[in-house]
Amino acid sequence: MLDFFWRRDDDQRYNCLRVKADQSGNSNYNAATEIMQSVTASTINQTLSFSTGTVPASSAYNATFTPAATATSGLAAAITVSGGCSISAGVVTMTSGHNRLRGQGRSGR
């Protein structure tokens, strides 16, 4: 039998601390000595990128485009904007000449 013990750290991540194996035996075998193994789960880095062709190098006032971003982790990416543009339902509208577009990874929990 395997028992998994989980602990949540200060960053709200879950790490497996200990795996325990038991075998109680039967009419032919005595019980086995319990064994334990410590295991630590760690996070993995990811990279974000805008999907090709979804963010123009330049655009006219009041023009719109729909940016898309992907993460190497496969998790969803959040798109936010600042400066002279706005975003609604994933569509960016240019409102002046100075803009910033940002992609951000999201947690899988």
C-alpha atoms as a PDB file:
ATOM      1  CA  MET A   1       0.000   0.000   0.000  1.00  0.00           C
ATOM      2  CA  LEU A   2       1.269   3.496  -0.808  1.00  0.00           C
ATOM      3  CA  ASP A   3       0.406   6.493   1.356  1.00  0.00           C
ATOM      4  CA  PHE A   4       1.136   9.969   0.012  1.00  0.00           C
ATOM      5  CA  PHE A   5       1.597  12.808   2.462  1.00  0.00           C
ATOM      6  CA  TRP A   6       1.281  16.344   1.085  1.00  0.00           C
ATOM      7  CA  ARG A   7       2.412  19.671   2.493  1.00  0.00           C
ATOM      8  CA  ARG A   8       1.577  23.144   1.239  1.00  0.00           C
ATOM      9  CA  ASP A   9       4.448  25.635   1.408  1.00  0.00           C
ATOM     10  CA  ASP A  10       4.234  29.440   1.824  1.00  0.00           C
ATOM     11  CA  ASP A  11       3.892  29.946  -1.957  1.00  0.00           C
ATOM     12  CA  GLN A  12       0.789  27.695  -2.016  1.00  0.00           C
ATOM     13  CA  ARG A  13       2.632  24.935  -3.880  1.00  0.00           C
ATOM     14  CA  TYR A  14       2.111  21.294  -2.971  1.00  0.00           C
ATOM     15  CA  ASN A  15       5.135  19.076  -2.394  1.00  0.00           C
ATOM     16  CA  CYS A  16       5.086  15.335  -1.756  1.00  0.00           C
ATOM     17  CA  LEU A  17       7.117  14.739   1.364  1.00  0.00           C
ATOM     18  CA  ARG A  18       6.956  11.031   1.994  1.00  0.00           C
ATOM     19  CA  VAL A  19       5.903   7.802   0.283  1.00  0.00           C
ATOM     20  CA  LYS A  20       5.227   4.850   2.573  1.00  0.00           C
ATOM     21  CA  ALA A  21       4.912   1.172   1.570  1.00  0.00           C
ATOM     22  CA  ASP A  22       3.317  -1.487   3.758  1.00  0.00           C
ATOM     23  CA  GLN A  23       2.560  -5.166   3.225  1.00  0.00           C
ATOM     24  CA  SER A  24       0.692  -6.896   6.019  1.00  0.00           C
ATOM     25  CA  GLY A  25       1.404 -10.426   4.834  1.00  0.00           C
ATOM     26  CA  ASN A  26      -0.976 -13.386   4.525  1.00  0.00           C
ATOM     27  CA  SER A  27      -1.108 -17.071   5.477  1.00  0.00           C
ATOM     28  CA  ASN A  28       2.078 -17.738   3.475  1.00  0.00           C
ATOM     29  CA  TYR A  29       4.104 -14.581   4.198  1.00  0.00           C
ATOM     30  CA  ASN A  30       4.937 -12.608   7.322  1.00  0.00           C
ATOM     31  CA  ALA A  31       4.313  -8.876   7.342  1.00  0.00           C
ATOM     32  CA  ALA A  32       7.037  -6.879   5.616  1.00  0.00           C
ATOM     33  CA  THR A  33       8.892  -4.098   7.383  1.00  0.00           C
ATOM     34  CA  GLU A  34       7.416  -0.725   6.492  1.00  0.00           C
ATOM     35  CA  ILE A  35       9.602   1.444   4.241  1.00  0.00           C
ATOM     36  CA  MET A  36       9.500   5.174   3.558  1.00  0.00           C
ATOM     37  CA  GLN A  37      11.075   7.368   0.897  1.00  0.00           C
ATOM     38  CA  SER A  38      11.127  11.177   0.905  1.00  0.00           C
ATOM     39  CA  VAL A  39      10.304  12.921  -2.348  1.00  0.00           C
ATOM     40  CA  THR A  40      10.356  16.624  -3.163  1.00  0.00           C
ATOM     41  CA  ALA A  41       8.358  18.031  -6.065  1.00  0.00           C
ATOM     42  CA  SER A  42       9.712  21.246  -7.553  1.00  0.00           C
ATOM     43  CA  THR A  43       8.309  23.744 -10.008  1.00  0.00           C
ATOM     44  CA  ILE A  44       9.536  23.955 -13.607  1.00  0.00           C
ATOM     45  CA  ASN A  45      10.311  27.163 -15.514  1.00  0.00           C
ATOM     46  CA  GLN A  46       8.132  28.142 -18.446  1.00  0.00           C
ATOM     47  CA  THR A  47       8.422  30.602 -21.321  1.00  0.00           C
ATOM     48  CA  LEU A  48       5.692  32.772 -22.823  1.00  0.00           C
ATOM     49  CA  SER A  49       5.515  33.903 -26.436  1.00  0.00           C
ATOM     50  CA  PHE A  50       2.993  35.758 -28.555  1.00  0.00           C
ATOM     51  CA  SER A  51       1.581  33.605 -31.330  1.00  0.00           C
ATOM     52  CA  THR A  52       2.952  34.574 -34.759  1.00  0.00           C
ATOM     53  CA  GLY A  53       0.880  37.205 -36.522  1.00  0.00           C
ATOM     54  CA  THR A  54      -1.408  38.042 -33.595  1.00  0.00           C
ATOM     55  CA  VAL A  55       0.393  41.263 -32.527  1.00  0.00           C
ATOM     56  CA  PRO A  56       1.173  43.776 -35.308  1.00  0.00           C
ATOM     57  CA  ALA A  57       4.452  45.722 -35.271  1.00  0.00           C
ATOM     58  CA  SER A  58       2.398  48.908 -35.689  1.00  0.00           C
ATOM     59  CA  SER A  59      -1.232  49.801 -36.069  1.00  0.00           C
ATOM     60  CA  ALA A  60      -3.393  52.852 -36.805  1.00  0.00           C
ATOM     61  CA  TYR A  61      -5.483  54.772 -34.285  1.00  0.00           C
ATOM     62  CA  ASN A  62      -8.733  52.922 -33.477  1.00  0.00           C
ATOM     63  CA  ALA A  63      -7.496  49.757 -35.207  1.00  0.00           C
ATOM     64  CA  THR A  64      -8.156  46.436 -33.477  1.00  0.00           C
ATOM     65  CA  PHE A  65      -6.325  43.130 -33.218  1.00  0.00           C
ATOM     66  CA  THR A  66      -6.679  39.950 -31.176  1.00  0.00           C
ATOM     67  CA  PRO A  67      -3.396  38.916 -29.529  1.00  0.00           C
ATOM     68  CA  ALA A  68      -2.743  35.331 -28.487  1.00  0.00           C
ATOM     69  CA  ALA A  69       0.024  33.965 -26.276  1.00  0.00           C
ATOM     70  CA  THR A  70       1.200  30.460 -25.479  1.00  0.00           C
ATOM     71  CA  ALA A  71       3.191  29.053 -22.577  1.00  0.00           C
ATOM     72  CA  THR A  72       5.644  26.167 -22.899  1.00  0.00           C
ATOM     73  CA  SER A  73       3.903  24.633 -19.878  1.00  0.00           C
ATOM     74  CA  GLY A  74       0.617  24.384 -21.757  1.00  0.00           C
ATOM     75  CA  LEU A  75      -1.076  26.570 -19.113  1.00  0.00           C
ATOM     76  CA  ALA A  76      -3.331  29.432 -20.228  1.00  0.00           C
ATOM     77  CA  ALA A  77      -1.687  32.857 -20.667  1.00  0.00           C
ATOM     78  CA  ALA A  78      -3.419  36.078 -19.571  1.00  0.00           C
ATOM     79  CA  ILE A  79      -3.170  39.077 -21.906  1.00  0.00           C
ATOM     80  CA  THR A  80      -3.138  42.566 -20.368  1.00  0.00           C
ATOM     81  CA  VAL A  81      -2.525  45.954 -21.971  1.00  0.00           C
ATOM     82  CA  SER A  82      -1.444  49.383 -20.783  1.00  0.00           C
ATOM     83  CA  GLY A  83      -0.780  52.761 -22.341  1.00  0.00           C
ATOM     84  CA  GLY A  84      -2.786  54.013 -25.302  1.00  0.00           C
ATOM     85  CA  CYS A  85      -4.948  50.975 -25.872  1.00  0.00           C
ATOM     86  CA  SER A  86      -7.769  49.043 -24.290  1.00  0.00           C
ATOM     87  CA  ILE A  87      -8.801  45.389 -24.262  1.00  0.00           C
ATOM     88  CA  SER A  88     -12.290  43.919 -24.176  1.00  0.00           C
ATOM     89  CA  ALA A  89     -13.179  40.244 -24.693  1.00  0.00           C
ATOM     90  CA  GLY A  90      -9.620  39.637 -25.930  1.00  0.00           C
ATOM     91  CA  VAL A  91      -9.731  42.352 -28.637  1.00  0.00           C
ATOM     92  CA  VAL A  92      -7.231  45.228 -28.341  1.00  0.00           C
ATOM     93  CA  THR A  93      -8.242  48.686 -29.626  1.00  0.00           C
ATOM     94  CA  MET A  94      -5.521  51.264 -30.304  1.00  0.00           C
ATOM     95  CA  THR A  95      -6.365  54.620 -28.698  1.00  0.00           C
ATOM     96  CA  SER A  96      -3.002  56.452 -29.111  1.00  0.00           C
ATOM     97  CA  GLY A  97       0.549  55.840 -30.274  1.00  0.00           C
ATOM     98  CA  HIS A  98       2.232  54.466 -27.123  1.00  0.00           C
ATOM     99  CA  ASN A  99       1.192  51.003 -25.987  1.00  0.00           C
ATOM    100  CA  ARG A 100       2.404  48.020 -24.006  1.00  0.00           C
ATOM    101  CA  LEU A 101       1.140  44.475 -24.383  1.00  0.00           C
ATOM    102  CA  ARG A 102       1.966  41.876 -21.752  1.00  0.00           C
ATOM    103  CA  GLY A 103       1.475  38.124 -21.493  1.00  0.00           C
ATOM    104  CA  GLN A 104       1.437  36.399 -18.142  1.00  0.00           C
ATOM    105  CA  GLY A 105       1.364  32.700 -17.232  1.00  0.00           C
ATOM    106  CA  ARG A 106      -1.427  31.382 -15.054  1.00  0.00           C
ATOM    107  CA  SER A 107      -1.371  28.779 -12.403  1.00  0.00           C
ATOM    108  CA  GLY A 108      -2.838  25.393 -13.083  1.00  0.00           C
ATOM    109  CA  ARG A 109      -4.637  25.289  -9.748  1.00  0.00           C
END
